[in-house]
């Protein structure tokens, strides 16, 4: 179950995903130097609009795709605060594919209902998780976060 995982935040502190039980989660692998990086703005729009109703966005920077998440986790966090004013939880850099992939991402890929293959194709792949920890959908990078709004609202009600 998704709540079984413990991940490190951008400061290196452990965060149990159990802390997010009862929330609707949008889990995203991100990068600060990617063509999809402007999606941070729409992620923040969604967060501003729905966080009080129970939405949490979990941001996992990933440097696996053309090294588009350079720097330390703390440097990435500072850049995200300055450029996109993010306030949602941001975690330490992880790998989302291969032998060193984060177990959380192995779980997400193996259990998503959308059959898009087991590999994460690029930065800004999104997983939507309901309040009970069930993976509802997987959205590929080209899907803008605002296109997911209707699905989020259904889960929040």
N, C-alpha and C. Protein backbone atom coordinates (compact mmCIF):
# COMPACT_ATOMS: atom_id res chain seq x y z
N UNK A 1 0.84 -1.18 0.00
CA UNK A 1 0.00 0.00 0.00
C UNK A 1 0.89 1.25 0.00
N UNK A 2 0.39 2.29 -0.59
CA UNK A 2 1.19 3.52 -0.74
C UNK A 2 1.62 4.09 0.61
N UNK A 3 0.80 3.85 1.64
CA UNK A 3 1.11 4.40 2.96
C UNK A 3 2.23 3.64 3.66
N UNK A 4 2.70 2.56 3.09
CA UNK A 4 3.79 1.79 3.68
C UNK A 4 5.16 2.42 3.42
N UNK A 5 5.23 3.39 2.53
CA UNK A 5 6.52 3.95 2.11
C UNK A 5 6.94 5.13 2.97
N UNK A 6 8.24 5.22 3.19
CA UNK A 6 8.85 6.35 3.88
C UNK A 6 9.87 6.92 2.90
N UNK A 7 9.76 8.22 2.64
CA UNK A 7 10.64 8.88 1.68
C UNK A 7 11.38 10.01 2.39
N UNK A 8 12.50 10.41 1.83
CA UNK A 8 13.23 11.55 2.39
C UNK A 8 12.78 12.84 1.72
N UNK A 9 12.58 13.88 2.55
CA UNK A 9 12.24 15.17 1.98
C UNK A 9 13.51 15.85 1.47
N UNK A 10 13.36 17.05 0.93
CA UNK A 10 14.51 17.73 0.32
C UNK A 10 15.62 18.04 1.31
N UNK A 11 15.31 18.03 2.62
CA UNK A 11 16.33 18.26 3.64
C UNK A 11 16.98 16.96 4.11
N UNK A 12 16.44 15.82 3.64
CA UNK A 12 16.98 14.54 4.05
C UNK A 12 16.24 13.92 5.23
N UNK A 13 15.18 14.55 5.69
CA UNK A 13 14.38 14.01 6.79
C UNK A 13 13.39 12.99 6.26
N UNK A 14 13.16 11.93 7.03
CA UNK A 14 12.22 10.90 6.62
C UNK A 14 10.78 11.38 6.80
N UNK A 15 9.97 11.09 5.79
CA UNK A 15 8.55 11.44 5.80
C UNK A 15 7.76 10.17 5.48
N UNK A 16 6.94 9.74 6.41
CA UNK A 16 6.08 8.58 6.19
C UNK A 16 4.89 9.00 5.34
N UNK A 17 4.66 8.29 4.25
CA UNK A 17 3.50 8.62 3.43
C UNK A 17 2.20 8.37 4.18
N UNK A 18 2.25 7.65 5.28
CA UNK A 18 1.09 7.47 6.16
C UNK A 18 0.57 8.83 6.63
N UNK A 19 1.46 9.83 6.68
CA UNK A 19 1.05 11.19 7.08
C UNK A 19 0.02 11.78 6.14
N UNK A 20 -0.09 11.23 4.93
CA UNK A 20 -1.01 11.77 3.94
C UNK A 20 -2.28 10.93 3.80
N UNK A 21 -2.46 9.98 4.70
CA UNK A 21 -3.65 9.13 4.65
C UNK A 21 -4.89 10.02 4.77
N UNK A 22 -5.89 9.74 3.93
CA UNK A 22 -7.11 10.53 3.93
C UNK A 22 -7.07 11.72 2.99
N UNK A 23 -5.94 11.93 2.34
CA UNK A 23 -5.78 13.02 1.37
C UNK A 23 -5.84 12.46 -0.04
N UNK A 24 -6.22 13.31 -0.98
CA UNK A 24 -6.09 12.99 -2.40
C UNK A 24 -4.68 13.41 -2.78
N UNK A 25 -3.92 12.51 -3.39
CA UNK A 25 -2.52 12.79 -3.71
C UNK A 25 -2.31 12.88 -5.21
N UNK A 26 -1.52 13.84 -5.62
CA UNK A 26 -1.00 13.90 -6.98
C UNK A 26 0.51 13.79 -6.83
N UNK A 27 1.05 12.67 -7.26
CA UNK A 27 2.48 12.38 -7.11
C UNK A 27 3.15 12.61 -8.46
N UNK A 28 4.19 13.46 -8.47
CA UNK A 28 4.79 13.91 -9.73
C UNK A 28 6.31 13.83 -9.64
N UNK A 29 6.93 13.25 -10.68
CA UNK A 29 8.39 13.34 -10.78
C UNK A 29 8.70 14.58 -11.61
N UNK A 30 9.54 15.44 -11.09
CA UNK A 30 9.73 16.78 -11.67
C UNK A 30 11.19 17.04 -12.03
N UNK A 31 11.38 18.15 -12.71
CA UNK A 31 12.72 18.64 -13.05
C UNK A 31 12.62 20.15 -13.28
N UNK A 32 13.65 20.87 -12.90
CA UNK A 32 13.62 22.33 -13.00
C UNK A 32 14.10 22.86 -14.35
N UNK A 33 14.69 22.00 -15.18
CA UNK A 33 15.25 22.45 -16.47
C UNK A 33 14.64 21.66 -17.63
N UNK A 34 13.36 21.43 -17.58
CA UNK A 34 12.67 20.58 -18.54
C UNK A 34 11.64 21.41 -19.31
N UNK A 35 11.31 20.97 -20.50
CA UNK A 35 10.28 21.66 -21.28
C UNK A 35 8.93 21.65 -20.59
N UNK A 36 8.71 20.69 -19.68
CA UNK A 36 7.44 20.62 -18.95
C UNK A 36 7.49 21.36 -17.62
N UNK A 37 8.63 21.95 -17.26
CA UNK A 37 8.79 22.63 -15.99
C UNK A 37 7.74 23.71 -15.74
N UNK A 38 7.25 24.42 -16.77
CA UNK A 38 6.17 25.40 -16.51
C UNK A 38 4.92 24.77 -15.88
N UNK A 39 4.81 23.45 -15.88
CA UNK A 39 3.67 22.81 -15.21
C UNK A 39 3.67 23.08 -13.71
N UNK A 40 4.82 23.46 -13.15
CA UNK A 40 4.85 23.84 -11.73
C UNK A 40 3.81 24.92 -11.44
N UNK A 41 3.64 25.86 -12.35
CA UNK A 41 2.67 26.94 -12.14
C UNK A 41 1.26 26.37 -11.99
N UNK A 42 0.89 25.45 -12.86
CA UNK A 42 -0.45 24.86 -12.77
C UNK A 42 -0.58 23.92 -11.58
N UNK A 43 0.50 23.24 -11.21
CA UNK A 43 0.45 22.44 -9.99
C UNK A 43 0.16 23.34 -8.79
N UNK A 44 0.79 24.50 -8.75
CA UNK A 44 0.52 25.43 -7.64
C UNK A 44 -0.90 25.98 -7.73
N UNK A 45 -1.41 26.21 -8.92
CA UNK A 45 -2.80 26.67 -9.05
C UNK A 45 -3.76 25.64 -8.46
N UNK A 46 -3.53 24.37 -8.77
CA UNK A 46 -4.36 23.31 -8.21
C UNK A 46 -4.21 23.24 -6.69
N UNK A 47 -2.99 23.36 -6.23
CA UNK A 47 -2.74 23.28 -4.79
C UNK A 47 -3.42 24.43 -4.06
N UNK A 48 -3.28 25.63 -4.60
CA UNK A 48 -3.94 26.79 -3.98
C UNK A 48 -5.45 26.60 -3.92
N UNK A 49 -6.01 26.03 -4.95
CA UNK A 49 -7.45 25.90 -5.08
C UNK A 49 -8.03 24.78 -4.21
N UNK A 50 -7.28 23.68 -4.06
CA UNK A 50 -7.86 22.48 -3.44
C UNK A 50 -7.15 21.94 -2.21
N UNK A 51 -6.08 22.54 -1.80
CA UNK A 51 -5.34 22.01 -0.65
C UNK A 51 -6.22 22.01 0.60
N UNK A 52 -7.00 23.03 0.81
CA UNK A 52 -7.87 23.09 1.99
C UNK A 52 -8.94 22.00 1.97
N UNK A 53 -9.25 21.48 0.78
CA UNK A 53 -10.25 20.41 0.66
C UNK A 53 -9.63 19.02 0.76
N UNK A 54 -8.29 18.95 0.83
CA UNK A 54 -7.65 17.66 1.03
C UNK A 54 -6.70 17.22 -0.06
N UNK A 55 -6.34 18.10 -0.99
CA UNK A 55 -5.36 17.74 -2.02
C UNK A 55 -3.95 17.96 -1.51
N UNK A 56 -3.09 16.99 -1.73
CA UNK A 56 -1.66 17.16 -1.51
C UNK A 56 -0.93 16.78 -2.79
N UNK A 57 0.03 17.58 -3.15
CA UNK A 57 0.89 17.29 -4.29
C UNK A 57 2.25 16.91 -3.73
N UNK A 58 2.73 15.76 -4.13
CA UNK A 58 4.03 15.27 -3.66
C UNK A 58 5.01 15.34 -4.82
N UNK A 59 6.03 16.16 -4.66
CA UNK A 59 6.98 16.51 -5.71
C UNK A 59 8.28 15.73 -5.50
N UNK A 60 8.60 14.89 -6.49
CA UNK A 60 9.82 14.08 -6.44
C UNK A 60 10.75 14.46 -7.59
N UNK A 61 11.70 15.37 -7.36
CA UNK A 61 12.65 15.71 -8.43
C UNK A 61 13.41 14.48 -8.90
N UNK A 62 13.66 14.44 -10.19
CA UNK A 62 14.35 13.30 -10.80
C UNK A 62 15.31 13.81 -11.86
N UNK A 63 16.54 13.38 -11.78
CA UNK A 63 17.58 13.83 -12.70
C UNK A 63 17.91 12.78 -13.76
N UNK A 64 17.04 11.79 -13.94
CA UNK A 64 17.32 10.68 -14.85
C UNK A 64 17.14 11.03 -16.32
N UNK A 65 16.43 12.08 -16.62
CA UNK A 65 16.11 12.40 -18.01
C UNK A 65 16.92 13.60 -18.47
N UNK A 66 18.03 13.33 -19.15
CA UNK A 66 18.94 14.36 -19.67
C UNK A 66 19.43 15.33 -18.59
N UNK A 67 19.56 14.83 -17.37
CA UNK A 67 20.08 15.64 -16.24
C UNK A 67 19.36 16.97 -16.12
N UNK A 68 18.02 16.92 -16.21
CA UNK A 68 17.22 18.14 -16.18
C UNK A 68 16.82 18.59 -14.77
N UNK A 69 17.34 17.92 -13.76
CA UNK A 69 17.14 18.35 -12.37
C UNK A 69 18.51 18.46 -11.71
N UNK A 70 19.31 19.43 -12.18
CA UNK A 70 20.67 19.56 -11.63
C UNK A 70 20.66 20.16 -10.22
N UNK A 71 21.76 19.95 -9.53
CA UNK A 71 21.91 20.53 -8.19
C UNK A 71 21.47 19.57 -7.11
N UNK A 72 21.63 20.03 -5.88
CA UNK A 72 21.21 19.24 -4.72
C UNK A 72 19.70 19.37 -4.56
N UNK A 73 19.14 18.53 -3.73
CA UNK A 73 17.71 18.61 -3.44
C UNK A 73 17.36 19.97 -2.83
N UNK A 74 18.22 20.49 -1.97
CA UNK A 74 17.96 21.80 -1.36
C UNK A 74 18.04 22.92 -2.41
N UNK A 75 18.99 22.84 -3.34
CA UNK A 75 19.08 23.85 -4.40
C UNK A 75 17.84 23.80 -5.30
N UNK A 76 17.37 22.62 -5.59
CA UNK A 76 16.16 22.47 -6.39
C UNK A 76 14.98 23.08 -5.65
N UNK A 77 14.89 22.83 -4.36
CA UNK A 77 13.79 23.37 -3.56
C UNK A 77 13.81 24.90 -3.58
N UNK A 78 14.98 25.47 -3.38
CA UNK A 78 15.09 26.94 -3.40
C UNK A 78 14.66 27.50 -4.76
N UNK A 79 15.10 26.87 -5.84
CA UNK A 79 14.72 27.32 -7.18
C UNK A 79 13.20 27.24 -7.37
N UNK A 80 12.59 26.20 -6.85
CA UNK A 80 11.14 26.03 -7.00
C UNK A 80 10.37 27.06 -6.19
N UNK A 81 10.88 27.41 -5.03
CA UNK A 81 10.22 28.44 -4.22
C UNK A 81 10.34 29.79 -4.92
N UNK A 82 11.52 30.11 -5.41
CA UNK A 82 11.74 31.40 -6.06
C UNK A 82 10.98 31.53 -7.38
N UNK A 83 11.01 30.51 -8.19
CA UNK A 83 10.43 30.59 -9.52
C UNK A 83 8.94 30.28 -9.58
N UNK A 84 8.49 29.33 -8.76
CA UNK A 84 7.09 28.88 -8.87
C UNK A 84 6.34 28.96 -7.55
N UNK A 85 6.96 29.53 -6.52
CA UNK A 85 6.37 29.72 -5.19
C UNK A 85 5.74 28.45 -4.61
N UNK A 86 6.34 27.30 -4.90
CA UNK A 86 5.72 26.06 -4.43
C UNK A 86 5.64 26.04 -2.90
N UNK A 87 4.57 25.43 -2.42
CA UNK A 87 4.37 25.23 -0.99
C UNK A 87 4.02 23.78 -0.68
N UNK A 88 3.84 22.98 -1.72
CA UNK A 88 3.52 21.56 -1.47
C UNK A 88 4.80 20.80 -1.12
N UNK A 89 4.65 19.64 -0.50
CA UNK A 89 5.82 18.87 -0.07
C UNK A 89 6.74 18.49 -1.24
N UNK A 90 8.01 18.77 -1.04
CA UNK A 90 9.02 18.41 -2.04
C UNK A 90 10.01 17.47 -1.38
N UNK A 91 10.37 16.44 -2.12
CA UNK A 91 11.20 15.38 -1.58
C UNK A 91 12.60 15.44 -2.18
N UNK A 92 13.47 14.57 -1.69
CA UNK A 92 14.83 14.47 -2.23
C UNK A 92 14.77 13.88 -3.63
N UNK A 93 15.79 14.16 -4.41
CA UNK A 93 15.88 13.59 -5.76
C UNK A 93 15.86 12.08 -5.68
N UNK A 94 15.15 11.48 -6.63
CA UNK A 94 15.05 10.03 -6.69
C UNK A 94 15.24 9.56 -8.13
N UNK A 95 15.35 8.26 -8.27
CA UNK A 95 15.31 7.64 -9.60
C UNK A 95 13.95 6.96 -9.73
N UNK A 96 13.39 7.05 -10.91
CA UNK A 96 12.05 6.50 -11.15
C UNK A 96 12.07 5.27 -12.06
N UNK A 97 13.22 4.95 -12.61
CA UNK A 97 13.39 3.78 -13.48
C UNK A 97 14.70 3.09 -13.13
N UNK A 98 14.80 1.82 -13.52
CA UNK A 98 16.07 1.10 -13.42
C UNK A 98 16.31 0.43 -12.09
N UNK A 99 17.51 -0.10 -11.95
CA UNK A 99 17.89 -0.87 -10.77
C UNK A 99 17.84 -0.05 -9.49
N UNK A 100 18.10 1.25 -9.60
CA UNK A 100 18.13 2.11 -8.41
C UNK A 100 16.83 2.90 -8.21
N UNK A 101 15.77 2.50 -8.92
CA UNK A 101 14.53 3.25 -8.79
C UNK A 101 13.99 3.18 -7.36
N UNK A 102 13.32 4.25 -6.95
CA UNK A 102 12.71 4.28 -5.63
C UNK A 102 11.61 3.23 -5.57
N UNK A 103 11.56 2.44 -4.49
CA UNK A 103 10.50 1.44 -4.36
C UNK A 103 9.09 2.04 -4.51
N UNK A 104 8.90 3.27 -4.07
CA UNK A 104 7.60 3.92 -4.25
C UNK A 104 7.22 3.96 -5.72
N UNK A 105 8.16 4.29 -6.58
CA UNK A 105 7.86 4.39 -8.00
C UNK A 105 7.65 3.02 -8.63
N UNK A 106 8.33 2.02 -8.14
CA UNK A 106 8.06 0.66 -8.61
C UNK A 106 6.61 0.30 -8.28
N UNK A 107 6.19 0.63 -7.07
CA UNK A 107 4.82 0.36 -6.65
C UNK A 107 3.82 1.14 -7.52
N UNK A 108 4.07 2.42 -7.75
CA UNK A 108 3.16 3.24 -8.56
C UNK A 108 3.02 2.67 -9.97
N UNK A 109 4.15 2.34 -10.58
CA UNK A 109 4.12 1.82 -11.95
C UNK A 109 3.42 0.47 -12.02
N UNK A 110 3.66 -0.39 -11.04
CA UNK A 110 3.08 -1.73 -11.06
C UNK A 110 1.58 -1.73 -10.77
N UNK A 111 1.08 -0.70 -10.11
CA UNK A 111 -0.31 -0.71 -9.65
C UNK A 111 -1.21 0.34 -10.29
N UNK A 112 -0.67 1.15 -11.18
CA UNK A 112 -1.52 2.13 -11.85
C UNK A 112 -2.48 1.41 -12.79
N UNK A 113 -3.74 1.84 -12.84
CA UNK A 113 -4.72 1.18 -13.70
C UNK A 113 -4.53 1.45 -15.19
N UNK A 114 -3.82 2.50 -15.53
CA UNK A 114 -3.60 2.85 -16.93
C UNK A 114 -2.41 2.06 -17.46
N UNK A 115 -2.60 1.35 -18.55
CA UNK A 115 -1.53 0.54 -19.11
C UNK A 115 -0.69 1.37 -20.07
N UNK A 116 0.29 2.07 -19.54
CA UNK A 116 1.17 2.89 -20.37
C UNK A 116 2.59 2.35 -20.36
N UNK A 117 2.75 1.17 -19.87
CA UNK A 117 4.09 0.60 -19.78
C UNK A 117 4.65 0.79 -18.39
N UNK A 118 5.66 0.04 -18.09
CA UNK A 118 6.22 0.09 -16.73
C UNK A 118 7.22 1.21 -16.53
N UNK A 119 7.78 1.72 -17.61
CA UNK A 119 8.78 2.78 -17.46
C UNK A 119 8.13 4.15 -17.38
N UNK A 120 8.75 5.02 -16.60
CA UNK A 120 8.36 6.43 -16.62
C UNK A 120 9.05 7.00 -17.86
N UNK A 121 8.28 7.64 -18.72
CA UNK A 121 8.82 8.12 -19.99
C UNK A 121 9.65 9.39 -19.84
N UNK A 122 9.23 10.26 -18.91
CA UNK A 122 9.90 11.56 -18.81
C UNK A 122 9.46 12.24 -17.52
N UNK A 123 10.01 13.41 -17.31
CA UNK A 123 9.63 14.24 -16.16
C UNK A 123 8.16 14.64 -16.26
N UNK A 124 7.56 14.86 -15.11
CA UNK A 124 6.17 15.31 -14.98
C UNK A 124 5.14 14.24 -15.35
N UNK A 125 5.51 12.97 -15.11
CA UNK A 125 4.51 11.91 -15.10
C UNK A 125 3.78 12.04 -13.78
N UNK A 126 2.46 11.90 -13.82
CA UNK A 126 1.65 12.16 -12.63
C UNK A 126 0.81 10.94 -12.27
N UNK A 127 0.72 10.66 -10.97
CA UNK A 127 -0.13 9.59 -10.45
C UNK A 127 -1.15 10.21 -9.51
N UNK A 128 -2.42 9.91 -9.73
CA UNK A 128 -3.50 10.40 -8.88
C UNK A 128 -3.93 9.27 -7.94
N UNK A 129 -3.95 9.58 -6.65
CA UNK A 129 -4.24 8.59 -5.61
C UNK A 129 -5.43 9.08 -4.79
N UNK A 130 -6.41 8.19 -4.55
CA UNK A 130 -7.59 8.60 -3.79
C UNK A 130 -7.31 8.63 -2.29
N UNK A 131 -8.31 9.03 -1.51
CA UNK A 131 -8.16 9.19 -0.06
C UNK A 131 -7.86 7.88 0.66
N UNK A 132 -8.12 6.75 -0.01
CA UNK A 132 -7.86 5.44 0.60
C UNK A 132 -6.53 4.84 0.15
N UNK A 133 -5.76 5.59 -0.62
CA UNK A 133 -4.45 5.10 -1.06
C UNK A 133 -4.46 4.32 -2.35
N UNK A 134 -5.60 4.29 -3.04
CA UNK A 134 -5.69 3.58 -4.32
C UNK A 134 -5.21 4.47 -5.46
N UNK A 135 -4.40 3.92 -6.34
CA UNK A 135 -3.94 4.67 -7.51
C UNK A 135 -5.09 4.68 -8.51
N UNK A 136 -5.59 5.87 -8.80
CA UNK A 136 -6.76 6.03 -9.66
C UNK A 136 -6.36 6.16 -11.12
N UNK A 137 -5.26 6.87 -11.37
CA UNK A 137 -4.86 7.09 -12.76
C UNK A 137 -3.39 7.50 -12.84
N UNK A 138 -2.86 7.31 -14.02
CA UNK A 138 -1.50 7.75 -14.37
C UNK A 138 -1.65 8.66 -15.58
N UNK A 139 -0.99 9.80 -15.52
CA UNK A 139 -1.03 10.78 -16.61
C UNK A 139 0.38 11.01 -17.11
N UNK A 140 0.54 10.95 -18.40
CA UNK A 140 1.85 11.14 -18.99
C UNK A 140 2.24 12.63 -18.97
N UNK A 141 3.52 12.92 -19.19
CA UNK A 141 4.02 14.29 -19.05
C UNK A 141 3.27 15.35 -19.86
N UNK A 142 2.79 15.01 -21.04
CA UNK A 142 2.13 16.01 -21.88
C UNK A 142 0.77 16.44 -21.32
N UNK A 143 0.23 15.68 -20.39
CA UNK A 143 -1.05 16.05 -19.78
C UNK A 143 -0.79 17.17 -18.78
N UNK A 144 -1.37 18.33 -19.06
CA UNK A 144 -1.21 19.48 -18.18
C UNK A 144 -1.97 19.23 -16.87
N UNK A 145 -1.42 19.66 -15.75
CA UNK A 145 -2.11 19.45 -14.48
C UNK A 145 -3.56 19.96 -14.47
N UNK A 146 -3.84 21.04 -15.17
CA UNK A 146 -5.21 21.57 -15.16
C UNK A 146 -6.18 20.62 -15.86
N UNK A 147 -5.67 19.75 -16.72
CA UNK A 147 -6.52 18.76 -17.37
C UNK A 147 -6.95 17.66 -16.40
N UNK A 148 -6.31 17.60 -15.26
CA UNK A 148 -6.60 16.59 -14.25
C UNK A 148 -7.60 17.15 -13.22
N UNK A 149 -7.86 18.42 -13.26
CA UNK A 149 -8.68 19.08 -12.24
C UNK A 149 -10.01 18.37 -12.01
N UNK A 150 -10.70 18.00 -13.06
CA UNK A 150 -12.00 17.36 -12.91
C UNK A 150 -11.87 16.03 -12.15
N UNK A 151 -10.85 15.27 -12.46
CA UNK A 151 -10.61 13.99 -11.76
C UNK A 151 -10.31 14.23 -10.27
N UNK A 152 -9.56 15.28 -9.99
CA UNK A 152 -9.23 15.62 -8.60
C UNK A 152 -10.48 16.00 -7.84
N UNK A 153 -11.30 16.85 -8.44
CA UNK A 153 -12.53 17.31 -7.78
C UNK A 153 -13.44 16.13 -7.45
N UNK A 154 -13.56 15.17 -8.35
CA UNK A 154 -14.39 13.98 -8.09
C UNK A 154 -13.90 13.23 -6.85
N UNK A 155 -12.59 13.14 -6.69
CA UNK A 155 -12.03 12.42 -5.55
C UNK A 155 -12.15 13.20 -4.24
N UNK A 156 -12.18 14.52 -4.35
CA UNK A 156 -12.28 15.36 -3.15
C UNK A 156 -13.68 15.34 -2.56
N UNK A 157 -14.69 15.05 -3.38
CA UNK A 157 -16.09 15.10 -2.90
C UNK A 157 -16.48 13.85 -2.17
